[in-house]
Amino acid sequence: MGQLKTDNIDNKILQVLKKNSKLSYRGISKQLLIPVTTVHHRMRKLEKNGIIKKYTVILDDKKLGKSVAAYVLVKVDYNALNSKGLTQKELAKILKRREDIEDVCLITGLRDIILKIRTHSVDELNQLLTKDLRNLTGIKSTETMVILDELED
């Protein structure tokens, strides 16, 4: 399916939802000064067309005790993957299932996969890297960049 067309009203609704997906149709209507029925119809269309995939929350990980965040670049060992009958995408899906791995993306460049990881401590991050990830079939090497500060929207 190709790119779907959205107009100015759709885009305004999407911007409001990106900031607060919990907002009601009436709340969006008041904020954008458009009828509630328009908001309802447009949102249903955006959902049906797959532009809005889901409504979610953004957690404060520090308040949940996960105060250490890092990006990890992964170099894939394709020979090891092939010997197990796995692909890069399958390895990425295995990584994505881990609770402490927040995001997994296949990338271009000198590395093959980038992970965003959140843990409770540096020790926990170290354990994940040295005992878990580096011993996983298909991972040749990793490079870790600890996040010092994250800017909020």
N, C-alpha and C. Protein backbone atom coordinates (compact mmCIF):
# COMPACT_ATOMS: atom_id res chain seq x y z
N MET A 1 0.84 -1.17 0.00
CA MET A 1 0.00 0.00 0.00
C MET A 1 0.89 1.23 0.00
N GLY A 2 0.57 2.20 -0.87
CA GLY A 2 1.38 3.40 -0.98
C GLY A 2 1.06 4.41 0.11
N GLN A 3 1.63 5.57 -0.05
CA GLN A 3 1.41 6.64 0.92
C GLN A 3 -0.03 7.13 0.82
N LEU A 4 -0.66 7.30 1.96
CA LEU A 4 -2.04 7.77 2.00
C LEU A 4 -2.07 9.28 2.14
N LYS A 5 -3.09 9.89 1.58
CA LYS A 5 -3.23 11.34 1.63
C LYS A 5 -3.90 11.76 2.93
N THR A 6 -3.34 12.77 3.55
CA THR A 6 -3.97 13.41 4.69
C THR A 6 -4.04 14.90 4.39
N ASP A 7 -5.06 15.55 4.95
CA ASP A 7 -5.17 16.99 4.74
C ASP A 7 -4.79 17.73 6.02
N ASN A 8 -4.99 19.03 6.01
CA ASN A 8 -4.60 19.87 7.14
C ASN A 8 -5.32 19.48 8.43
N ILE A 9 -6.60 19.15 8.33
CA ILE A 9 -7.37 18.77 9.53
C ILE A 9 -6.84 17.46 10.09
N ASP A 10 -6.62 16.47 9.21
CA ASP A 10 -6.04 15.19 9.66
C ASP A 10 -4.72 15.43 10.37
N ASN A 11 -3.87 16.24 9.78
CA ASN A 11 -2.55 16.50 10.35
C ASN A 11 -2.63 17.19 11.70
N LYS A 12 -3.59 18.11 11.86
CA LYS A 12 -3.77 18.79 13.15
C LYS A 12 -4.24 17.79 14.21
N ILE A 13 -5.16 16.91 13.84
CA ILE A 13 -5.64 15.88 14.77
C ILE A 13 -4.48 14.98 15.19
N LEU A 14 -3.67 14.58 14.23
CA LEU A 14 -2.52 13.71 14.53
C LEU A 14 -1.53 14.38 15.47
N GLN A 15 -1.29 15.66 15.27
CA GLN A 15 -0.36 16.39 16.14
C GLN A 15 -0.89 16.45 17.57
N VAL A 16 -2.20 16.68 17.72
CA VAL A 16 -2.80 16.71 19.06
C VAL A 16 -2.66 15.34 19.71
N LEU A 17 -2.96 14.27 18.95
CA LEU A 17 -2.89 12.91 19.49
C LEU A 17 -1.46 12.51 19.86
N LYS A 18 -0.47 13.00 19.11
CA LYS A 18 0.92 12.68 19.44
C LYS A 18 1.30 13.23 20.80
N LYS A 19 0.70 14.35 21.17
CA LYS A 19 0.99 14.96 22.47
C LYS A 19 0.17 14.32 23.59
N ASN A 20 -1.06 13.88 23.27
CA ASN A 20 -1.94 13.29 24.30
C ASN A 20 -2.96 12.37 23.63
N SER A 21 -2.63 11.09 23.55
CA SER A 21 -3.53 10.14 22.88
C SER A 21 -4.75 9.80 23.73
N LYS A 22 -4.79 10.27 24.95
CA LYS A 22 -5.92 10.00 25.85
C LYS A 22 -7.04 11.03 25.68
N LEU A 23 -6.77 12.09 24.96
CA LEU A 23 -7.74 13.17 24.78
C LEU A 23 -8.99 12.65 24.07
N SER A 24 -10.15 13.08 24.54
CA SER A 24 -11.43 12.65 23.96
C SER A 24 -11.69 13.39 22.64
N TYR A 25 -12.68 12.88 21.91
CA TYR A 25 -13.09 13.57 20.68
C TYR A 25 -13.47 15.01 21.00
N ARG A 26 -14.20 15.19 22.09
CA ARG A 26 -14.64 16.53 22.49
C ARG A 26 -13.42 17.41 22.82
N GLY A 27 -12.44 16.85 23.51
CA GLY A 27 -11.23 17.61 23.85
C GLY A 27 -10.47 18.06 22.61
N ILE A 28 -10.36 17.15 21.65
CA ILE A 28 -9.69 17.49 20.39
C ILE A 28 -10.49 18.55 19.65
N SER A 29 -11.82 18.38 19.63
CA SER A 29 -12.71 19.31 18.97
C SER A 29 -12.55 20.72 19.53
N LYS A 30 -12.52 20.83 20.86
CA LYS A 30 -12.37 22.15 21.50
C LYS A 30 -11.01 22.76 21.19
N GLN A 31 -9.99 21.93 21.21
CA GLN A 31 -8.63 22.44 20.98
C GLN A 31 -8.45 22.93 19.55
N LEU A 32 -9.04 22.22 18.59
CA LEU A 32 -8.86 22.57 17.18
C LEU A 32 -9.99 23.43 16.62
N LEU A 33 -11.03 23.64 17.43
CA LEU A 33 -12.18 24.44 17.01
C LEU A 33 -12.86 23.84 15.77
N ILE A 34 -13.06 22.53 15.80
CA ILE A 34 -13.78 21.83 14.73
C ILE A 34 -14.86 20.96 15.38
N PRO A 35 -15.92 20.61 14.63
CA PRO A 35 -17.00 19.82 15.22
C PRO A 35 -16.54 18.44 15.70
N VAL A 36 -17.17 17.97 16.79
CA VAL A 36 -16.86 16.65 17.34
C VAL A 36 -17.07 15.56 16.29
N THR A 37 -18.13 15.70 15.50
CA THR A 37 -18.41 14.69 14.46
C THR A 37 -17.29 14.61 13.44
N THR A 38 -16.68 15.74 13.13
CA THR A 38 -15.55 15.76 12.20
C THR A 38 -14.37 15.01 12.80
N VAL A 39 -14.10 15.28 14.07
CA VAL A 39 -12.99 14.59 14.76
C VAL A 39 -13.24 13.09 14.75
N HIS A 40 -14.45 12.68 15.13
CA HIS A 40 -14.80 11.25 15.18
C HIS A 40 -14.62 10.60 13.80
N HIS A 41 -15.19 11.21 12.78
CA HIS A 41 -15.09 10.66 11.42
C HIS A 41 -13.64 10.57 10.96
N ARG A 42 -12.88 11.64 11.17
CA ARG A 42 -11.48 11.67 10.72
C ARG A 42 -10.63 10.63 11.45
N MET A 43 -10.84 10.50 12.76
CA MET A 43 -10.04 9.53 13.52
C MET A 43 -10.36 8.10 13.09
N ARG A 44 -11.63 7.81 12.86
CA ARG A 44 -12.01 6.47 12.38
C ARG A 44 -11.35 6.18 11.03
N LYS A 45 -11.33 7.19 10.16
CA LYS A 45 -10.70 7.03 8.84
C LYS A 45 -9.19 6.79 9.00
N LEU A 46 -8.56 7.54 9.90
CA LEU A 46 -7.12 7.39 10.13
C LEU A 46 -6.80 6.01 10.71
N GLU A 47 -7.67 5.51 11.57
CA GLU A 47 -7.50 4.16 12.13
C GLU A 47 -7.69 3.11 11.04
N LYS A 48 -8.76 3.23 10.27
CA LYS A 48 -9.08 2.26 9.21
C LYS A 48 -7.95 2.17 8.18
N ASN A 49 -7.36 3.31 7.86
CA ASN A 49 -6.28 3.35 6.87
C ASN A 49 -4.92 2.98 7.45
N GLY A 50 -4.88 2.69 8.76
CA GLY A 50 -3.63 2.26 9.37
C GLY A 50 -2.66 3.37 9.69
N ILE A 51 -3.09 4.62 9.56
CA ILE A 51 -2.22 5.73 9.92
C ILE A 51 -2.08 5.80 11.44
N ILE A 52 -3.20 5.63 12.14
CA ILE A 52 -3.16 5.48 13.60
C ILE A 52 -3.14 3.98 13.85
N LYS A 53 -2.02 3.47 14.37
CA LYS A 53 -1.88 2.03 14.61
C LYS A 53 -2.37 1.63 15.99
N LYS A 54 -2.08 2.47 16.99
CA LYS A 54 -2.51 2.17 18.35
C LYS A 54 -2.39 3.42 19.20
N TYR A 55 -3.06 3.37 20.34
CA TYR A 55 -2.98 4.44 21.33
C TYR A 55 -2.14 3.88 22.47
N THR A 56 -1.22 4.66 22.96
CA THR A 56 -0.29 4.14 23.96
C THR A 56 0.06 5.20 25.00
N VAL A 57 0.89 4.83 25.94
CA VAL A 57 1.34 5.76 26.97
C VAL A 57 2.85 5.85 26.92
N ILE A 58 3.37 6.94 27.45
CA ILE A 58 4.81 7.11 27.60
C ILE A 58 5.10 7.04 29.09
N LEU A 59 5.88 6.06 29.48
CA LEU A 59 6.18 5.84 30.89
C LEU A 59 7.37 6.68 31.34
N ASP A 60 7.38 7.04 32.59
CA ASP A 60 8.55 7.69 33.19
C ASP A 60 9.42 6.56 33.74
N ASP A 61 10.36 6.11 32.93
CA ASP A 61 11.18 4.96 33.30
C ASP A 61 12.00 5.19 34.57
N LYS A 62 12.43 6.41 34.80
CA LYS A 62 13.20 6.70 36.01
C LYS A 62 12.36 6.47 37.25
N LYS A 63 11.09 6.86 37.21
CA LYS A 63 10.21 6.64 38.36
C LYS A 63 9.91 5.16 38.55
N LEU A 64 10.06 4.38 37.49
CA LEU A 64 9.88 2.93 37.58
C LEU A 64 11.18 2.22 37.95
N GLY A 65 12.23 3.02 38.19
CA GLY A 65 13.50 2.44 38.62
C GLY A 65 14.46 2.09 37.50
N LYS A 66 14.06 2.33 36.26
CA LYS A 66 14.95 2.04 35.13
C LYS A 66 15.68 3.33 34.75
N SER A 67 16.73 3.62 35.49
CA SER A 67 17.41 4.90 35.35
C SER A 67 18.58 4.88 34.37
N VAL A 68 18.94 3.70 33.87
CA VAL A 68 20.06 3.60 32.92
C VAL A 68 19.50 3.28 31.54
N ALA A 69 19.85 4.13 30.58
CA ALA A 69 19.43 3.90 29.20
C ALA A 69 20.66 3.94 28.30
N ALA A 70 20.64 3.11 27.27
CA ALA A 70 21.78 3.04 26.36
C ALA A 70 21.33 2.62 24.97
N TYR A 71 22.10 3.07 24.00
CA TYR A 71 21.96 2.55 22.64
C TYR A 71 23.07 1.53 22.45
N VAL A 72 22.75 0.42 21.84
CA VAL A 72 23.74 -0.62 21.58
C VAL A 72 23.73 -0.93 20.09
N LEU A 73 24.89 -0.73 19.47
CA LEU A 73 25.07 -1.11 18.06
C LEU A 73 25.51 -2.56 18.02
N VAL A 74 24.87 -3.34 17.17
CA VAL A 74 25.15 -4.77 17.09
C VAL A 74 25.69 -5.11 15.71
N LYS A 75 26.82 -5.81 15.69
CA LYS A 75 27.37 -6.37 14.45
C LYS A 75 26.91 -7.82 14.39
N VAL A 76 26.23 -8.17 13.31
CA VAL A 76 25.68 -9.52 13.16
C VAL A 76 26.72 -10.47 12.57
N ASP A 77 26.78 -11.67 13.10
CA ASP A 77 27.60 -12.75 12.56
C ASP A 77 26.69 -13.58 11.65
N TYR A 78 26.71 -13.25 10.37
CA TYR A 78 25.79 -13.88 9.42
C TYR A 78 26.07 -15.37 9.24
N ASN A 79 27.33 -15.78 9.36
CA ASN A 79 27.66 -17.21 9.25
C ASN A 79 27.00 -18.00 10.38
N ALA A 80 27.09 -17.46 11.59
CA ALA A 80 26.46 -18.13 12.74
C ALA A 80 24.95 -18.17 12.58
N LEU A 81 24.38 -17.06 12.09
CA LEU A 81 22.93 -17.04 11.87
C LEU A 81 22.52 -18.09 10.84
N ASN A 82 23.25 -18.11 9.72
CA ASN A 82 22.94 -19.07 8.65
C ASN A 82 23.04 -20.51 9.13
N SER A 83 24.03 -20.79 9.98
CA SER A 83 24.20 -22.16 10.47
C SER A 83 23.01 -22.61 11.34
N LYS A 84 22.31 -21.64 11.92
CA LYS A 84 21.12 -21.95 12.73
C LYS A 84 19.83 -21.75 11.92
N GLY A 85 19.98 -21.38 10.65
CA GLY A 85 18.81 -21.15 9.80
C GLY A 85 18.02 -19.90 10.16
N LEU A 86 18.73 -18.90 10.70
CA LEU A 86 18.08 -17.66 11.10
C LEU A 86 18.47 -16.51 10.18
N THR A 87 17.63 -15.49 10.14
CA THR A 87 17.92 -14.27 9.40
C THR A 87 18.17 -13.13 10.37
N GLN A 88 18.66 -12.02 9.85
CA GLN A 88 18.88 -10.83 10.66
C GLN A 88 17.57 -10.37 11.29
N LYS A 89 16.50 -10.40 10.52
CA LYS A 89 15.20 -9.96 11.02
C LYS A 89 14.71 -10.87 12.15
N GLU A 90 14.94 -12.17 12.02
CA GLU A 90 14.55 -13.10 13.08
C GLU A 90 15.35 -12.85 14.36
N LEU A 91 16.64 -12.55 14.21
CA LEU A 91 17.46 -12.20 15.37
C LEU A 91 16.90 -10.94 16.03
N ALA A 92 16.54 -9.96 15.21
CA ALA A 92 15.97 -8.71 15.74
C ALA A 92 14.69 -8.98 16.52
N LYS A 93 13.86 -9.88 16.02
CA LYS A 93 12.61 -10.23 16.71
C LYS A 93 12.89 -10.93 18.04
N ILE A 94 13.91 -11.77 18.08
CA ILE A 94 14.32 -12.42 19.33
C ILE A 94 14.74 -11.36 20.35
N LEU A 95 15.53 -10.39 19.89
CA LEU A 95 15.98 -9.31 20.78
C LEU A 95 14.80 -8.47 21.27
N LYS A 96 13.86 -8.20 20.39
CA LYS A 96 12.70 -7.35 20.72
C LYS A 96 11.84 -7.96 21.82
N ARG A 97 11.87 -9.28 21.96
CA ARG A 97 11.05 -9.96 22.98
C ARG A 97 11.57 -9.73 24.40
N ARG A 98 12.80 -9.28 24.53
CA ARG A 98 13.37 -9.04 25.87
C ARG A 98 12.74 -7.79 26.49
N GLU A 99 12.40 -7.89 27.74
CA GLU A 99 11.73 -6.79 28.44
C GLU A 99 12.59 -5.54 28.52
N ASP A 100 13.91 -5.70 28.68
CA ASP A 100 14.79 -4.55 28.86
C ASP A 100 15.21 -3.90 27.54
N ILE A 101 14.85 -4.50 26.42
CA ILE A 101 15.15 -3.90 25.11
C ILE A 101 13.89 -3.19 24.63
N GLU A 102 13.98 -1.87 24.59
CA GLU A 102 12.83 -1.02 24.29
C GLU A 102 12.57 -0.91 22.79
N ASP A 103 13.62 -0.73 22.01
CA ASP A 103 13.48 -0.57 20.56
C ASP A 103 14.55 -1.39 19.85
N VAL A 104 14.19 -1.90 18.69
CA VAL A 104 15.13 -2.65 17.84
C VAL A 104 14.92 -2.15 16.41
N CYS A 105 16.01 -1.73 15.77
CA CYS A 105 15.93 -1.27 14.38
C CYS A 105 17.04 -1.91 13.56
N LEU A 106 16.71 -2.34 12.35
CA LEU A 106 17.72 -2.79 11.40
C LEU A 106 18.26 -1.54 10.73
N ILE A 107 19.59 -1.44 10.63
CA ILE A 107 20.21 -0.21 10.12
C ILE A 107 21.24 -0.53 9.04
N THR A 108 21.69 0.53 8.36
CA THR A 108 22.78 0.40 7.39
C THR A 108 24.05 0.93 8.04
N GLY A 109 25.17 0.66 7.42
CA GLY A 109 26.44 1.15 7.94
C GLY A 109 27.33 0.02 8.42
N LEU A 110 28.24 0.35 9.33
CA LEU A 110 29.19 -0.64 9.84
C LEU A 110 28.54 -1.64 10.79
N ARG A 111 27.41 -1.29 11.35
CA ARG A 111 26.67 -2.18 12.24
C ARG A 111 25.35 -2.55 11.56
N ASP A 112 24.69 -3.55 12.11
CA ASP A 112 23.50 -4.09 11.45
C ASP A 112 22.19 -3.84 12.19
N ILE A 113 22.28 -3.72 13.51
CA ILE A 113 21.10 -3.54 14.35
C ILE A 113 21.44 -2.51 15.42
N ILE A 114 20.47 -1.67 15.77
CA ILE A 114 20.63 -0.77 16.91
C ILE A 114 19.52 -1.07 17.92
N LEU A 115 19.90 -1.12 19.19
CA LEU A 115 18.97 -1.40 20.27
C LEU A 115 18.90 -0.20 21.20
N LYS A 116 17.74 0.04 21.76
CA LYS A 116 17.63 0.99 22.87
C LYS A 116 17.26 0.15 24.08
N ILE A 117 18.10 0.24 25.10
CA ILE A 117 17.97 -0.60 26.28
C ILE A 117 17.74 0.27 27.51
N ARG A 118 16.90 -0.22 28.42
CA ARG A 118 16.69 0.44 29.71
C ARG A 118 16.86 -0.61 30.80
N THR A 119 17.69 -0.27 31.79
CA THR A 119 17.91 -1.17 32.93
C THR A 119 17.86 -0.39 34.23
N HIS A 120 17.84 -1.12 35.33
CA HIS A 120 17.79 -0.50 36.65
C HIS A 120 19.15 0.03 37.10
N SER A 121 20.23 -0.54 36.56
CA SER A 121 21.57 -0.14 37.02
C SER A 121 22.60 -0.42 35.93
N VAL A 122 23.78 0.16 36.11
CA VAL A 122 24.89 -0.11 35.19
C VAL A 122 25.28 -1.58 35.29
N ASP A 123 25.24 -2.14 36.49
CA ASP A 123 25.55 -3.57 36.66
C ASP A 123 24.59 -4.44 35.85
N GLU A 124 23.32 -4.09 35.87
CA GLU A 124 22.32 -4.85 35.11
C GLU A 124 22.58 -4.71 33.60
N LEU A 125 22.95 -3.50 33.17
CA LEU A 125 23.30 -3.28 31.76
C LEU A 125 24.51 -4.13 31.40
N ASN A 126 25.52 -4.13 32.24
CA ASN A 126 26.73 -4.91 32.01
C ASN A 126 26.39 -6.40 31.90
N GLN A 127 25.55 -6.89 32.79
CA GLN A 127 25.12 -8.30 32.76
C GLN A 127 24.43 -8.62 31.43
N LEU A 128 23.53 -7.74 31.03
CA LEU A 128 22.80 -7.94 29.77
C LEU A 128 23.77 -8.02 28.59
N LEU A 129 24.74 -7.13 28.58
CA LEU A 129 25.69 -7.08 27.46
C LEU A 129 26.66 -8.26 27.47
N THR A 130 27.29 -8.50 28.60
CA THR A 130 28.37 -9.49 28.64
C THR A 130 27.89 -10.93 28.76
N LYS A 131 26.80 -11.14 29.42
CA LYS A 131 26.32 -12.52 29.63
C LYS A 131 25.23 -12.91 28.64
N ASP A 132 24.37 -11.97 28.29
CA ASP A 132 23.22 -12.32 27.46
C ASP A 132 23.44 -12.04 25.97
N LEU A 133 23.61 -10.76 25.63
CA LEU A 133 23.69 -10.40 24.22
C LEU A 133 24.90 -10.99 23.51
N ARG A 134 26.07 -10.83 24.10
CA ARG A 134 27.29 -11.27 23.41
C ARG A 134 27.37 -12.79 23.28
N ASN A 135 26.59 -13.51 24.06
CA ASN A 135 26.57 -14.98 23.95
C ASN A 135 25.42 -15.49 23.08
N LEU A 136 24.64 -14.58 22.54
CA LEU A 136 23.52 -14.97 21.69
C LEU A 136 24.02 -15.30 20.29
N THR A 137 23.58 -16.42 19.75
CA THR A 137 23.99 -16.82 18.40
C THR A 137 23.63 -15.73 17.41
N GLY A 138 24.61 -15.34 16.62
CA GLY A 138 24.39 -14.34 15.58
C GLY A 138 24.90 -12.97 15.93
N ILE A 139 25.31 -12.76 17.18
CA ILE A 139 25.87 -11.46 17.56
C ILE A 139 27.38 -11.57 17.60
N LYS A 140 28.02 -10.84 16.69
CA LYS A 140 29.48 -10.87 16.58
C LYS A 140 30.12 -9.92 17.58
N SER A 141 29.57 -8.70 17.67
CA SER A 141 30.11 -7.70 18.60
C SER A 141 29.06 -6.65 18.89
N THR A 142 29.31 -5.89 19.96
CA THR A 142 28.41 -4.79 20.32
C THR A 142 29.23 -3.56 20.66
N GLU A 143 28.62 -2.42 20.49
CA GLU A 143 29.21 -1.15 20.91
C GLU A 143 28.12 -0.40 21.66
N THR A 144 28.41 -0.01 22.89
CA THR A 144 27.40 0.59 23.76
C THR A 144 27.64 2.07 23.98
N MET A 145 26.57 2.84 23.90
CA MET A 145 26.61 4.27 24.17
C MET A 145 25.57 4.57 25.24
N VAL A 146 26.02 4.90 26.44
CA VAL A 146 25.09 5.21 27.53
C VAL A 146 24.50 6.59 27.29
N ILE A 147 23.21 6.71 27.47
CA ILE A 147 22.50 7.98 27.29
C ILE A 147 22.66 8.81 28.56
N LEU A 148 23.20 10.01 28.42
CA LEU A 148 23.41 10.88 29.58
C LEU A 148 22.15 11.66 29.94
N ASP A 149 21.40 12.09 28.92
CA ASP A 149 20.19 12.87 29.16
C ASP A 149 19.28 12.73 27.95
N GLU A 150 17.99 12.62 28.21
CA GLU A 150 17.00 12.53 27.13
C GLU A 150 16.13 13.78 27.16
N LEU A 151 15.98 14.40 26.01
CA LEU A 151 15.15 15.60 25.91
C LEU A 151 13.70 15.19 25.73
N GLU A 152 12.81 15.84 26.45
CA GLU A 152 11.39 15.53 26.35
C GLU A 152 10.73 16.48 25.38
N ASP A 153 9.61 16.02 24.80
CA ASP A 153 8.84 16.88 23.88
C ASP A 153 8.19 18.02 24.61
